[in-house]
């Protein structure tokens, strides 16, 4: 754990995530973090995970859940929403947002994909996802410094390697699939450098 000016941050290493097969055999998922910690699929307020999708098929329904999917690797997939739009995830870091109760059928563009999944229980919390890119170790500037406002912020390294500096703490290196969870940052300064991209997830409790 990292502590800076009374702000606690927890590093979750991607190499420590445990893969769990889907019931339908269509892929595996790795839970990154959830609140409350250890909550089941019917009890979480929010949950983030990485999924390896091996074959086409329907998505599981999650009534009352707002979902955000981000393509991490692979040629991508098309998410056909019944009586709704088709969400195209065909480039790395493309984002799709949809209701968990929507009937979604996934088509793979060309083979298996990996995606990042944020699920938030509607009415209990709200979440948003942005893509942040490093400025390069020798090109870091004021533009790469952001201030974090949320009840919880998750910084997930989606590609490459990034050095993250929180407030007055020592820099911390994140590599692909690592996550930094920051509780109640309260305008905490966050500076990025390095060659890579991360997903910044802001979570606000109702």
N, C-alpha and C. Protein backbone atom coordinates (compact mmCIF):
# COMPACT_ATOMS: atom_id res chain seq x y z
N UNK A 1 0.85 -1.20 0.00
CA UNK A 1 0.00 0.00 0.00
C UNK A 1 0.88 1.24 0.00
N UNK A 2 0.42 2.27 -0.74
CA UNK A 2 1.13 3.54 -0.81
C UNK A 2 0.28 4.58 -0.08
N UNK A 3 0.88 5.40 0.76
CA UNK A 3 0.14 6.43 1.47
C UNK A 3 0.78 7.76 1.16
N UNK A 4 -0.03 8.73 0.71
CA UNK A 4 0.47 10.06 0.41
C UNK A 4 -0.56 11.07 0.89
N UNK A 5 -0.18 11.90 1.86
CA UNK A 5 -1.07 12.92 2.42
C UNK A 5 -2.43 12.33 2.76
N UNK A 6 -2.43 11.26 3.52
CA UNK A 6 -3.61 10.59 4.04
C UNK A 6 -4.45 9.91 2.97
N UNK A 7 -3.91 9.75 1.77
CA UNK A 7 -4.61 9.03 0.72
C UNK A 7 -3.98 7.65 0.57
N UNK A 8 -4.81 6.61 0.59
CA UNK A 8 -4.31 5.24 0.47
C UNK A 8 -4.49 4.75 -0.96
N UNK A 9 -3.44 4.12 -1.48
CA UNK A 9 -3.48 3.54 -2.83
C UNK A 9 -2.97 2.11 -2.75
N UNK A 10 -3.66 1.21 -3.42
CA UNK A 10 -3.31 -0.20 -3.40
C UNK A 10 -2.93 -0.66 -4.79
N UNK A 11 -1.78 -1.31 -4.91
CA UNK A 11 -1.31 -1.82 -6.19
C UNK A 11 -1.77 -3.26 -6.37
N UNK A 12 -2.46 -3.51 -7.47
CA UNK A 12 -2.95 -4.85 -7.81
C UNK A 12 -2.21 -5.30 -9.06
N UNK A 13 -1.33 -6.28 -8.92
CA UNK A 13 -0.52 -6.73 -10.03
C UNK A 13 -1.29 -7.70 -10.93
N UNK A 14 -1.18 -7.48 -12.25
CA UNK A 14 -1.88 -8.32 -13.20
C UNK A 14 -1.46 -9.78 -13.13
N UNK A 15 -0.20 -10.03 -12.79
CA UNK A 15 0.29 -11.41 -12.74
C UNK A 15 -0.36 -12.20 -11.61
N UNK A 16 -0.98 -11.50 -10.66
CA UNK A 16 -1.60 -12.18 -9.52
C UNK A 16 -3.09 -12.47 -9.74
N UNK A 17 -3.66 -12.00 -10.85
CA UNK A 17 -5.09 -12.21 -11.09
C UNK A 17 -5.36 -13.68 -11.41
N UNK A 18 -6.49 -14.17 -10.91
CA UNK A 18 -6.85 -15.58 -11.07
C UNK A 18 -7.90 -15.72 -12.17
N UNK A 19 -7.64 -16.64 -13.11
CA UNK A 19 -8.56 -16.88 -14.22
C UNK A 19 -9.65 -17.85 -13.81
N UNK A 20 -10.91 -17.49 -14.13
CA UNK A 20 -12.06 -18.35 -13.85
C UNK A 20 -12.80 -18.61 -15.16
N UNK A 21 -13.00 -19.88 -15.55
CA UNK A 21 -13.71 -20.19 -16.81
C UNK A 21 -15.17 -19.76 -16.75
N UNK A 22 -15.69 -19.32 -17.89
CA UNK A 22 -17.11 -19.06 -18.00
C UNK A 22 -17.88 -20.38 -17.96
N UNK A 23 -19.12 -20.31 -17.48
CA UNK A 23 -19.95 -21.51 -17.44
C UNK A 23 -20.21 -22.08 -18.83
N UNK A 24 -20.32 -21.20 -19.84
CA UNK A 24 -20.62 -21.68 -21.20
C UNK A 24 -19.37 -22.04 -21.99
N UNK A 25 -18.20 -21.94 -21.37
CA UNK A 25 -16.96 -22.32 -22.05
C UNK A 25 -16.48 -21.33 -23.09
N UNK A 26 -17.12 -20.17 -23.15
CA UNK A 26 -16.78 -19.20 -24.18
C UNK A 26 -15.57 -18.35 -23.88
N UNK A 27 -14.99 -18.49 -22.69
CA UNK A 27 -13.83 -17.69 -22.34
C UNK A 27 -13.52 -17.80 -20.86
N UNK A 28 -12.65 -16.92 -20.39
CA UNK A 28 -12.30 -16.86 -18.97
C UNK A 28 -12.33 -15.41 -18.52
N UNK A 29 -12.53 -15.19 -17.23
CA UNK A 29 -12.52 -13.85 -16.67
C UNK A 29 -11.56 -13.80 -15.50
N UNK A 30 -10.98 -12.62 -15.29
CA UNK A 30 -10.10 -12.37 -14.14
C UNK A 30 -10.60 -11.13 -13.43
N UNK A 31 -11.09 -11.31 -12.20
CA UNK A 31 -11.56 -10.16 -11.43
C UNK A 31 -10.36 -9.34 -10.97
N UNK A 32 -10.42 -8.04 -11.22
CA UNK A 32 -9.37 -7.12 -10.79
C UNK A 32 -9.68 -6.57 -9.40
N UNK A 33 -10.89 -6.07 -9.22
CA UNK A 33 -11.31 -5.51 -7.94
C UNK A 33 -12.82 -5.41 -7.93
N UNK A 34 -13.39 -5.34 -6.73
CA UNK A 34 -14.83 -5.20 -6.56
C UNK A 34 -15.10 -4.54 -5.22
N UNK A 35 -16.29 -3.97 -5.12
CA UNK A 35 -16.75 -3.41 -3.84
C UNK A 35 -18.19 -3.84 -3.61
N UNK A 36 -18.47 -4.37 -2.40
CA UNK A 36 -17.52 -4.72 -1.34
C UNK A 36 -16.56 -5.82 -1.79
N UNK A 37 -15.40 -5.85 -1.19
CA UNK A 37 -14.40 -6.85 -1.55
C UNK A 37 -14.97 -8.25 -1.38
N UNK A 38 -14.80 -9.07 -2.40
CA UNK A 38 -15.27 -10.44 -2.35
C UNK A 38 -16.75 -10.62 -2.63
N UNK A 39 -17.47 -9.54 -2.97
CA UNK A 39 -18.91 -9.63 -3.23
C UNK A 39 -19.18 -10.51 -4.44
N UNK A 40 -20.25 -11.28 -4.38
CA UNK A 40 -20.66 -12.10 -5.50
C UNK A 40 -21.31 -11.27 -6.60
N UNK A 41 -21.66 -11.92 -7.69
CA UNK A 41 -22.21 -11.20 -8.84
C UNK A 41 -23.57 -10.58 -8.56
N UNK A 42 -24.23 -11.02 -7.50
CA UNK A 42 -25.54 -10.45 -7.17
C UNK A 42 -25.47 -9.40 -6.07
N UNK A 43 -24.27 -9.08 -5.60
CA UNK A 43 -24.15 -8.20 -4.42
C UNK A 43 -23.16 -7.06 -4.60
N UNK A 44 -22.38 -7.02 -5.65
CA UNK A 44 -21.37 -5.96 -5.78
C UNK A 44 -22.02 -4.61 -6.07
N UNK A 45 -21.35 -3.54 -5.65
CA UNK A 45 -21.71 -2.18 -6.04
C UNK A 45 -21.00 -1.83 -7.35
N UNK A 46 -19.73 -2.21 -7.42
CA UNK A 46 -18.99 -2.10 -8.69
C UNK A 46 -18.00 -3.25 -8.79
N UNK A 47 -17.65 -3.58 -10.02
CA UNK A 47 -16.71 -4.67 -10.27
C UNK A 47 -15.95 -4.39 -11.55
N UNK A 48 -14.65 -4.63 -11.54
CA UNK A 48 -13.85 -4.51 -12.76
C UNK A 48 -13.14 -5.84 -12.99
N UNK A 49 -13.04 -6.22 -14.26
CA UNK A 49 -12.45 -7.51 -14.59
C UNK A 49 -11.88 -7.46 -16.00
N UNK A 50 -11.07 -8.47 -16.30
CA UNK A 50 -10.53 -8.67 -17.65
C UNK A 50 -11.10 -9.98 -18.16
N UNK A 51 -11.57 -9.98 -19.40
CA UNK A 51 -12.15 -11.20 -19.98
C UNK A 51 -11.43 -11.56 -21.27
N UNK A 52 -11.13 -12.85 -21.42
CA UNK A 52 -10.65 -13.40 -22.68
C UNK A 52 -11.83 -14.09 -23.35
N UNK A 53 -12.23 -13.57 -24.50
CA UNK A 53 -13.40 -14.09 -25.20
C UNK A 53 -12.93 -15.00 -26.33
N UNK A 54 -13.25 -16.29 -26.22
CA UNK A 54 -12.73 -17.27 -27.17
C UNK A 54 -13.69 -17.58 -28.30
N UNK A 55 -14.99 -17.32 -28.10
CA UNK A 55 -15.95 -17.65 -29.15
C UNK A 55 -17.15 -16.73 -29.08
N UNK A 56 -17.88 -16.64 -30.19
CA UNK A 56 -19.07 -15.81 -30.27
C UNK A 56 -20.17 -16.39 -29.40
N UNK A 57 -21.12 -15.53 -29.02
CA UNK A 57 -22.25 -16.02 -28.25
C UNK A 57 -22.91 -14.90 -27.46
N UNK A 58 -23.99 -15.21 -26.75
CA UNK A 58 -24.72 -14.20 -25.98
C UNK A 58 -23.99 -13.83 -24.71
N UNK A 59 -24.13 -12.56 -24.30
CA UNK A 59 -23.62 -12.10 -23.02
C UNK A 59 -24.59 -12.49 -21.91
N UNK A 60 -24.06 -12.73 -20.72
CA UNK A 60 -24.90 -12.93 -19.56
C UNK A 60 -25.64 -11.64 -19.22
N UNK A 61 -26.86 -11.78 -18.72
CA UNK A 61 -27.65 -10.61 -18.32
C UNK A 61 -27.30 -10.22 -16.89
N UNK A 62 -27.23 -8.91 -16.65
CA UNK A 62 -27.02 -8.37 -15.31
C UNK A 62 -28.04 -7.24 -15.12
N UNK A 63 -29.22 -7.59 -14.61
CA UNK A 63 -30.27 -6.60 -14.42
C UNK A 63 -29.82 -5.52 -13.44
N UNK A 64 -30.10 -4.25 -13.79
CA UNK A 64 -29.78 -3.13 -12.92
C UNK A 64 -28.32 -2.73 -12.90
N UNK A 65 -27.55 -3.24 -13.85
CA UNK A 65 -26.11 -2.96 -13.92
C UNK A 65 -25.80 -2.16 -15.18
N UNK A 66 -25.02 -1.10 -15.03
CA UNK A 66 -24.49 -0.36 -16.19
C UNK A 66 -23.12 -0.91 -16.52
N UNK A 67 -22.92 -1.24 -17.80
CA UNK A 67 -21.68 -1.89 -18.21
C UNK A 67 -20.88 -1.02 -19.17
N UNK A 68 -19.57 -1.09 -19.03
CA UNK A 68 -18.64 -0.46 -19.96
C UNK A 68 -17.59 -1.49 -20.35
N UNK A 69 -17.42 -1.70 -21.66
CA UNK A 69 -16.42 -2.63 -22.17
C UNK A 69 -15.39 -1.86 -22.98
N UNK A 70 -14.12 -2.23 -22.81
CA UNK A 70 -13.03 -1.62 -23.56
C UNK A 70 -12.21 -2.74 -24.19
N UNK A 71 -12.00 -2.67 -25.50
CA UNK A 71 -11.18 -3.68 -26.18
C UNK A 71 -9.71 -3.47 -25.84
N UNK A 72 -9.07 -4.53 -25.36
CA UNK A 72 -7.66 -4.47 -25.01
C UNK A 72 -6.77 -5.03 -26.11
N UNK A 73 -7.15 -6.17 -26.68
CA UNK A 73 -6.34 -6.79 -27.73
C UNK A 73 -7.21 -7.71 -28.57
N UNK A 74 -6.67 -8.10 -29.73
CA UNK A 74 -7.42 -8.91 -30.68
C UNK A 74 -8.04 -8.05 -31.76
N UNK A 75 -8.61 -8.72 -32.77
CA UNK A 75 -9.21 -8.00 -33.89
C UNK A 75 -10.54 -7.36 -33.53
N UNK A 76 -11.10 -7.74 -32.38
CA UNK A 76 -12.30 -7.05 -31.91
C UNK A 76 -13.55 -7.88 -32.00
N UNK A 77 -14.65 -7.25 -31.62
CA UNK A 77 -15.94 -7.91 -31.67
C UNK A 77 -17.05 -6.90 -31.89
N UNK A 78 -18.16 -7.41 -32.40
CA UNK A 78 -19.36 -6.61 -32.64
C UNK A 78 -20.42 -7.08 -31.67
N UNK A 79 -20.98 -6.15 -30.92
CA UNK A 79 -21.99 -6.48 -29.92
C UNK A 79 -23.36 -6.05 -30.45
N UNK A 80 -24.15 -7.02 -30.84
CA UNK A 80 -25.49 -6.74 -31.38
C UNK A 80 -26.48 -6.68 -30.24
N UNK A 81 -27.08 -5.51 -30.05
CA UNK A 81 -28.07 -5.32 -28.99
C UNK A 81 -29.45 -5.52 -29.57
N UNK A 82 -30.22 -6.43 -29.01
CA UNK A 82 -31.57 -6.71 -29.51
C UNK A 82 -32.40 -5.43 -29.48
N UNK A 83 -33.02 -5.12 -30.62
CA UNK A 83 -33.83 -3.91 -30.75
C UNK A 83 -33.04 -2.66 -30.39
N UNK A 84 -31.75 -2.70 -30.69
CA UNK A 84 -30.88 -1.56 -30.39
C UNK A 84 -29.72 -1.51 -31.36
N UNK A 85 -28.69 -0.75 -31.03
CA UNK A 85 -27.55 -0.58 -31.93
C UNK A 85 -26.59 -1.76 -31.87
N UNK A 86 -25.65 -1.78 -32.81
CA UNK A 86 -24.50 -2.67 -32.76
C UNK A 86 -23.31 -1.86 -32.26
N UNK A 87 -22.70 -2.32 -31.19
CA UNK A 87 -21.53 -1.65 -30.64
C UNK A 87 -20.29 -2.29 -31.26
N UNK A 88 -19.52 -1.49 -31.99
CA UNK A 88 -18.34 -2.00 -32.69
C UNK A 88 -17.08 -1.72 -31.88
N UNK A 89 -16.39 -2.78 -31.50
CA UNK A 89 -15.10 -2.68 -30.83
C UNK A 89 -14.07 -3.31 -31.76
N UNK A 90 -13.46 -2.49 -32.60
CA UNK A 90 -12.58 -3.01 -33.64
C UNK A 90 -11.16 -2.45 -33.57
N UNK A 91 -10.94 -1.47 -32.72
CA UNK A 91 -9.61 -0.91 -32.52
C UNK A 91 -9.28 -0.97 -31.03
N UNK A 92 -8.02 -1.19 -30.73
CA UNK A 92 -7.61 -1.23 -29.32
C UNK A 92 -8.07 0.03 -28.60
N UNK A 93 -8.69 -0.15 -27.44
CA UNK A 93 -9.19 0.89 -26.55
C UNK A 93 -10.51 1.50 -27.03
N UNK A 94 -11.16 0.89 -28.03
CA UNK A 94 -12.54 1.26 -28.33
C UNK A 94 -13.41 0.95 -27.11
N UNK A 95 -14.44 1.79 -26.89
CA UNK A 95 -15.28 1.67 -25.71
C UNK A 95 -16.74 1.49 -26.10
N UNK A 96 -17.44 0.58 -25.43
CA UNK A 96 -18.88 0.40 -25.60
C UNK A 96 -19.55 0.50 -24.24
N UNK A 97 -20.71 1.17 -24.21
CA UNK A 97 -21.46 1.31 -22.96
C UNK A 97 -22.89 0.82 -23.22
N UNK A 98 -23.43 0.01 -22.29
CA UNK A 98 -24.78 -0.52 -22.48
C UNK A 98 -25.33 -1.01 -21.14
N UNK A 99 -26.63 -1.21 -21.09
CA UNK A 99 -27.29 -1.69 -19.88
C UNK A 99 -27.10 -3.19 -19.74
N UNK A 100 -26.87 -3.64 -18.52
CA UNK A 100 -26.62 -5.05 -18.29
C UNK A 100 -27.80 -5.94 -18.59
N UNK A 101 -29.03 -5.38 -18.55
CA UNK A 101 -30.20 -6.19 -18.84
C UNK A 101 -30.47 -6.31 -20.34
N UNK A 102 -29.74 -5.56 -21.17
CA UNK A 102 -29.93 -5.64 -22.61
C UNK A 102 -29.49 -7.01 -23.12
N UNK A 103 -30.23 -7.53 -24.10
CA UNK A 103 -29.86 -8.79 -24.73
C UNK A 103 -28.76 -8.50 -25.74
N UNK A 104 -27.56 -8.97 -25.47
CA UNK A 104 -26.38 -8.70 -26.30
C UNK A 104 -25.85 -10.01 -26.86
N UNK A 105 -25.63 -10.02 -28.17
CA UNK A 105 -25.00 -11.17 -28.82
C UNK A 105 -23.67 -10.70 -29.41
N UNK A 106 -22.58 -11.37 -29.05
CA UNK A 106 -21.24 -10.96 -29.47
C UNK A 106 -20.78 -11.76 -30.67
N UNK A 107 -20.22 -11.05 -31.67
CA UNK A 107 -19.60 -11.67 -32.84
C UNK A 107 -18.13 -11.28 -32.86
N UNK A 108 -17.25 -12.26 -32.98
CA UNK A 108 -15.83 -11.98 -33.05
C UNK A 108 -15.43 -11.63 -34.48
N UNK A 109 -14.60 -10.59 -34.63
CA UNK A 109 -14.18 -10.15 -35.96
C UNK A 109 -13.23 -11.16 -36.58
N UNK A 110 -12.23 -11.58 -35.81
CA UNK A 110 -11.24 -12.54 -36.35
C UNK A 110 -10.48 -13.17 -35.18
N UNK A 111 -11.11 -14.11 -34.52
CA UNK A 111 -10.44 -14.81 -33.43
C UNK A 111 -10.67 -14.19 -32.07
N UNK A 112 -10.00 -14.76 -31.08
CA UNK A 112 -10.21 -14.39 -29.69
C UNK A 112 -9.82 -12.94 -29.40
N UNK A 113 -10.47 -12.37 -28.40
CA UNK A 113 -10.18 -11.00 -27.98
C UNK A 113 -10.02 -10.96 -26.46
N UNK A 114 -9.47 -9.87 -25.99
CA UNK A 114 -9.40 -9.60 -24.55
C UNK A 114 -10.03 -8.24 -24.32
N UNK A 115 -10.86 -8.13 -23.29
CA UNK A 115 -11.50 -6.85 -23.01
C UNK A 115 -11.50 -6.55 -21.52
N UNK A 116 -11.65 -5.27 -21.21
CA UNK A 116 -11.78 -4.77 -19.84
C UNK A 116 -13.25 -4.49 -19.60
N UNK A 117 -13.74 -4.89 -18.42
CA UNK A 117 -15.16 -4.81 -18.14
C UNK A 117 -15.39 -4.07 -16.82
N UNK A 118 -16.15 -2.97 -16.87
CA UNK A 118 -16.60 -2.27 -15.67
C UNK A 118 -18.10 -2.49 -15.53
N UNK A 119 -18.52 -2.95 -14.34
CA UNK A 119 -19.94 -3.11 -14.05
C UNK A 119 -20.27 -2.32 -12.78
N UNK A 120 -21.31 -1.50 -12.85
CA UNK A 120 -21.70 -0.64 -11.74
C UNK A 120 -23.20 -0.82 -11.48
N UNK A 121 -23.57 -1.01 -10.22
CA UNK A 121 -24.98 -1.20 -9.88
C UNK A 121 -25.70 0.14 -9.92
N UNK A 122 -26.66 0.23 -10.82
CA UNK A 122 -27.40 1.47 -11.04
C UNK A 122 -28.15 1.89 -9.77
N UNK A 123 -28.03 3.15 -9.40
CA UNK A 123 -28.68 3.66 -8.21
C UNK A 123 -27.79 3.62 -6.99
N UNK A 124 -26.77 2.75 -7.00
CA UNK A 124 -25.84 2.66 -5.87
C UNK A 124 -24.55 3.41 -6.15
N UNK A 125 -24.19 3.51 -7.42
CA UNK A 125 -22.95 4.19 -7.80
C UNK A 125 -23.02 4.54 -9.28
N UNK A 126 -22.08 5.35 -9.72
CA UNK A 126 -21.93 5.68 -11.13
C UNK A 126 -20.45 5.62 -11.46
N UNK A 127 -20.13 5.19 -12.68
CA UNK A 127 -18.74 5.07 -13.07
C UNK A 127 -18.49 5.62 -14.46
N UNK A 128 -17.28 6.06 -14.70
CA UNK A 128 -16.89 6.54 -16.02
C UNK A 128 -15.48 6.08 -16.32
N UNK A 129 -15.21 5.86 -17.60
CA UNK A 129 -13.91 5.36 -18.06
C UNK A 129 -13.34 6.32 -19.09
N UNK A 130 -12.09 6.70 -18.92
CA UNK A 130 -11.36 7.49 -19.90
C UNK A 130 -10.05 6.80 -20.24
N UNK A 131 -9.55 7.06 -21.45
CA UNK A 131 -8.25 6.55 -21.87
C UNK A 131 -7.22 7.66 -21.67
N UNK A 132 -6.17 7.38 -20.91
CA UNK A 132 -5.07 8.31 -20.72
C UNK A 132 -3.81 7.71 -21.33
N UNK A 133 -3.02 8.53 -21.98
CA UNK A 133 -1.78 8.06 -22.60
C UNK A 133 -0.58 8.77 -21.98
N UNK A 134 0.51 8.03 -21.79
CA UNK A 134 1.73 8.62 -21.27
C UNK A 134 2.34 9.58 -22.27
N UNK A 135 3.10 10.54 -21.75
CA UNK A 135 3.72 11.55 -22.59
C UNK A 135 5.13 11.17 -23.04
N UNK A 136 5.60 10.01 -22.60
CA UNK A 136 6.98 9.65 -22.90
C UNK A 136 7.90 10.14 -21.79
N UNK A 137 8.86 9.32 -21.43
CA UNK A 137 9.71 9.66 -20.30
C UNK A 137 10.44 10.98 -20.47
N UNK A 138 10.75 11.33 -21.72
CA UNK A 138 11.52 12.55 -21.95
C UNK A 138 10.65 13.69 -22.46
N UNK A 139 9.32 13.45 -22.46
CA UNK A 139 8.42 14.48 -22.94
C UNK A 139 7.34 14.79 -21.92
N UNK A 140 7.50 14.33 -20.69
CA UNK A 140 6.50 14.61 -19.66
C UNK A 140 6.38 16.11 -19.44
N UNK A 141 5.16 16.55 -19.30
CA UNK A 141 4.90 17.98 -19.18
C UNK A 141 3.70 18.20 -18.28
N UNK A 142 3.32 19.47 -18.10
CA UNK A 142 2.15 19.78 -17.29
C UNK A 142 0.90 19.12 -17.85
N UNK A 143 0.87 18.86 -19.16
CA UNK A 143 -0.30 18.25 -19.78
C UNK A 143 -0.52 16.83 -19.28
N UNK A 144 0.53 16.19 -18.76
CA UNK A 144 0.40 14.81 -18.30
C UNK A 144 0.02 14.72 -16.83
N UNK A 145 -0.17 15.87 -16.17
CA UNK A 145 -0.57 15.89 -14.77
C UNK A 145 -2.07 16.15 -14.67
N UNK A 146 -2.76 15.27 -13.95
CA UNK A 146 -4.20 15.41 -13.77
C UNK A 146 -4.50 15.40 -12.27
N UNK A 147 -5.68 15.87 -11.92
CA UNK A 147 -6.12 15.85 -10.53
C UNK A 147 -7.33 14.94 -10.42
N UNK A 148 -7.29 14.05 -9.45
CA UNK A 148 -8.27 12.99 -9.32
C UNK A 148 -9.38 13.39 -8.36
N UNK A 149 -10.62 13.31 -8.85
CA UNK A 149 -11.80 13.60 -8.05
C UNK A 149 -12.76 12.42 -8.16
N UNK A 150 -13.03 11.73 -7.07
CA UNK A 150 -13.98 10.62 -7.07
C UNK A 150 -13.97 9.98 -5.69
N UNK A 151 -14.93 9.09 -5.45
CA UNK A 151 -14.86 8.29 -4.23
C UNK A 151 -13.78 7.22 -4.35
N UNK A 152 -13.65 6.65 -5.55
CA UNK A 152 -12.59 5.68 -5.84
C UNK A 152 -12.11 5.92 -7.26
N UNK A 153 -10.80 5.86 -7.47
CA UNK A 153 -10.22 5.91 -8.81
C UNK A 153 -9.39 4.64 -9.01
N UNK A 154 -9.59 4.02 -10.16
CA UNK A 154 -8.77 2.88 -10.57
C UNK A 154 -7.98 3.27 -11.80
N UNK A 155 -6.68 3.05 -11.77
CA UNK A 155 -5.82 3.30 -12.92
C UNK A 155 -5.33 1.95 -13.42
N UNK A 156 -5.86 1.52 -14.56
CA UNK A 156 -5.55 0.20 -15.12
C UNK A 156 -4.64 0.37 -16.32
N UNK A 157 -3.46 -0.25 -16.29
CA UNK A 157 -2.52 -0.15 -17.40
C UNK A 157 -2.99 -1.07 -18.52
N UNK A 158 -3.46 -0.49 -19.61
CA UNK A 158 -4.01 -1.26 -20.71
C UNK A 158 -2.95 -1.70 -21.71
N UNK A 159 -1.83 -0.99 -21.78
CA UNK A 159 -0.78 -1.33 -22.73
C UNK A 159 0.51 -0.64 -22.32
N UNK A 160 1.62 -1.31 -22.57
CA UNK A 160 2.93 -0.71 -22.34
C UNK A 160 3.31 -0.64 -20.88
N UNK A 161 4.09 0.39 -20.57
CA UNK A 161 4.59 0.60 -19.21
C UNK A 161 4.50 2.08 -18.90
N UNK A 162 3.95 2.41 -17.73
CA UNK A 162 3.76 3.80 -17.36
C UNK A 162 4.27 4.03 -15.94
N UNK A 163 4.87 5.18 -15.74
CA UNK A 163 5.29 5.59 -14.41
C UNK A 163 4.24 6.57 -13.88
N UNK A 164 3.66 6.23 -12.72
CA UNK A 164 2.61 7.04 -12.11
C UNK A 164 3.14 7.65 -10.83
N UNK A 165 2.97 8.97 -10.69
CA UNK A 165 3.36 9.66 -9.48
C UNK A 165 2.12 10.29 -8.86
N UNK A 166 1.79 9.87 -7.63
CA UNK A 166 0.64 10.39 -6.91
C UNK A 166 1.11 11.38 -5.86
N UNK A 167 0.72 12.63 -6.01
CA UNK A 167 1.07 13.64 -5.02
C UNK A 167 2.55 13.67 -4.74
N UNK A 168 2.91 13.51 -3.45
CA UNK A 168 4.30 13.58 -3.05
C UNK A 168 4.93 12.20 -2.88
N UNK A 169 4.25 11.15 -3.35
CA UNK A 169 4.79 9.79 -3.21
C UNK A 169 5.85 9.52 -4.29
N UNK A 170 6.64 8.49 -4.07
CA UNK A 170 7.64 8.09 -5.06
C UNK A 170 6.94 7.52 -6.30
N UNK A 171 7.53 7.68 -7.48
CA UNK A 171 6.92 7.13 -8.70
C UNK A 171 6.75 5.62 -8.60
N UNK A 172 5.71 5.14 -9.27
CA UNK A 172 5.39 3.72 -9.28
C UNK A 172 5.20 3.28 -10.72
N UNK A 173 5.81 2.16 -11.10
CA UNK A 173 5.70 1.68 -12.47
C UNK A 173 4.57 0.66 -12.60
N UNK A 174 3.67 0.91 -13.55
CA UNK A 174 2.61 -0.02 -13.90
C UNK A 174 2.92 -0.64 -15.25
N UNK A 175 2.79 -1.96 -15.36
CA UNK A 175 2.92 -2.64 -16.64
C UNK A 175 1.54 -3.21 -16.99
N UNK A 176 1.43 -3.74 -18.21
CA UNK A 176 0.14 -4.18 -18.72
C UNK A 176 -0.59 -5.09 -17.73
N UNK A 177 -1.86 -4.76 -17.48
CA UNK A 177 -2.79 -5.47 -16.59
C UNK A 177 -2.61 -5.12 -15.11
N UNK A 178 -1.67 -4.25 -14.75
CA UNK A 178 -1.57 -3.76 -13.38
C UNK A 178 -2.63 -2.69 -13.13
N UNK A 179 -3.08 -2.60 -11.88
CA UNK A 179 -4.09 -1.61 -11.49
C UNK A 179 -3.67 -0.93 -10.20
N UNK A 180 -3.88 0.38 -10.15
CA UNK A 180 -3.66 1.14 -8.93
C UNK A 180 -5.02 1.63 -8.45
N UNK A 181 -5.45 1.19 -7.27
CA UNK A 181 -6.73 1.61 -6.69
C UNK A 181 -6.48 2.70 -5.67
N UNK A 182 -7.15 3.85 -5.85
CA UNK A 182 -6.95 5.01 -4.99
C UNK A 182 -8.28 5.36 -4.35
N UNK A 183 -8.34 5.33 -3.03
CA UNK A 183 -9.58 5.61 -2.31
C UNK A 183 -9.64 7.07 -1.89
N UNK A 184 -10.76 7.75 -2.22
CA UNK A 184 -11.00 9.14 -1.82
C UNK A 184 -9.82 10.05 -2.13
N UNK A 185 -9.46 10.21 -3.40
CA UNK A 185 -8.25 10.99 -3.72
C UNK A 185 -8.35 12.48 -3.43
N UNK A 186 -9.55 13.09 -3.49
CA UNK A 186 -9.74 14.49 -3.11
C UNK A 186 -8.75 15.43 -3.81
N UNK A 187 -8.82 15.48 -5.13
CA UNK A 187 -8.00 16.38 -5.94
C UNK A 187 -6.51 16.03 -5.91
N UNK A 188 -6.22 14.77 -5.67
CA UNK A 188 -4.83 14.32 -5.65
C UNK A 188 -4.20 14.48 -7.04
N UNK A 189 -3.01 15.05 -7.09
CA UNK A 189 -2.29 15.20 -8.35
C UNK A 189 -1.76 13.84 -8.81
N UNK A 190 -1.89 13.59 -10.10
CA UNK A 190 -1.43 12.33 -10.69
C UNK A 190 -0.67 12.67 -11.97
N UNK A 191 0.60 12.27 -12.01
CA UNK A 191 1.44 12.55 -13.17
C UNK A 191 1.83 11.25 -13.85
N UNK A 192 1.75 11.23 -15.19
CA UNK A 192 2.10 10.05 -15.98
C UNK A 192 3.31 10.33 -16.84
N UNK A 193 4.14 9.31 -16.99
CA UNK A 193 5.20 9.34 -18.00
C UNK A 193 5.44 7.92 -18.47
N UNK A 194 6.06 7.80 -19.62
CA UNK A 194 6.31 6.49 -20.19
C UNK A 194 5.54 6.28 -21.47
N UNK A 195 5.75 5.13 -22.09
CA UNK A 195 5.10 4.80 -23.35
C UNK A 195 4.02 3.76 -23.08
N UNK A 196 2.78 4.18 -23.10
CA UNK A 196 1.71 3.24 -22.85
C UNK A 196 0.39 3.97 -22.72
N UNK A 197 -0.64 3.21 -22.33
CA UNK A 197 -1.97 3.78 -22.15
C UNK A 197 -2.61 3.13 -20.93
N UNK A 198 -3.38 3.91 -20.21
CA UNK A 198 -4.12 3.34 -19.10
C UNK A 198 -5.57 3.77 -19.17
N UNK A 199 -6.42 3.02 -18.49
CA UNK A 199 -7.83 3.35 -18.33
C UNK A 199 -8.01 3.97 -16.95
N UNK A 200 -8.56 5.16 -16.92
CA UNK A 200 -8.85 5.84 -15.66
C UNK A 200 -10.33 5.66 -15.38
N UNK A 201 -10.63 4.95 -14.29
CA UNK A 201 -12.02 4.67 -13.92
C UNK A 201 -12.35 5.48 -12.68
N UNK A 202 -13.34 6.35 -12.79
CA UNK A 202 -13.79 7.14 -11.64
C UNK A 202 -15.12 6.58 -11.17
N UNK A 203 -15.21 6.34 -9.88
CA UNK A 203 -16.42 5.77 -9.29
C UNK A 203 -16.95 6.71 -8.21
N UNK A 204 -18.26 7.01 -8.30
CA UNK A 204 -18.92 7.90 -7.37
C UNK A 204 -20.09 7.17 -6.74
N UNK A 205 -20.15 7.13 -5.42
CA UNK A 205 -21.25 6.47 -4.73
C UNK A 205 -22.46 7.39 -4.66
N UNK A 206 -23.64 6.79 -4.75
CA UNK A 206 -24.88 7.55 -4.72
C UNK A 206 -25.13 8.06 -3.29
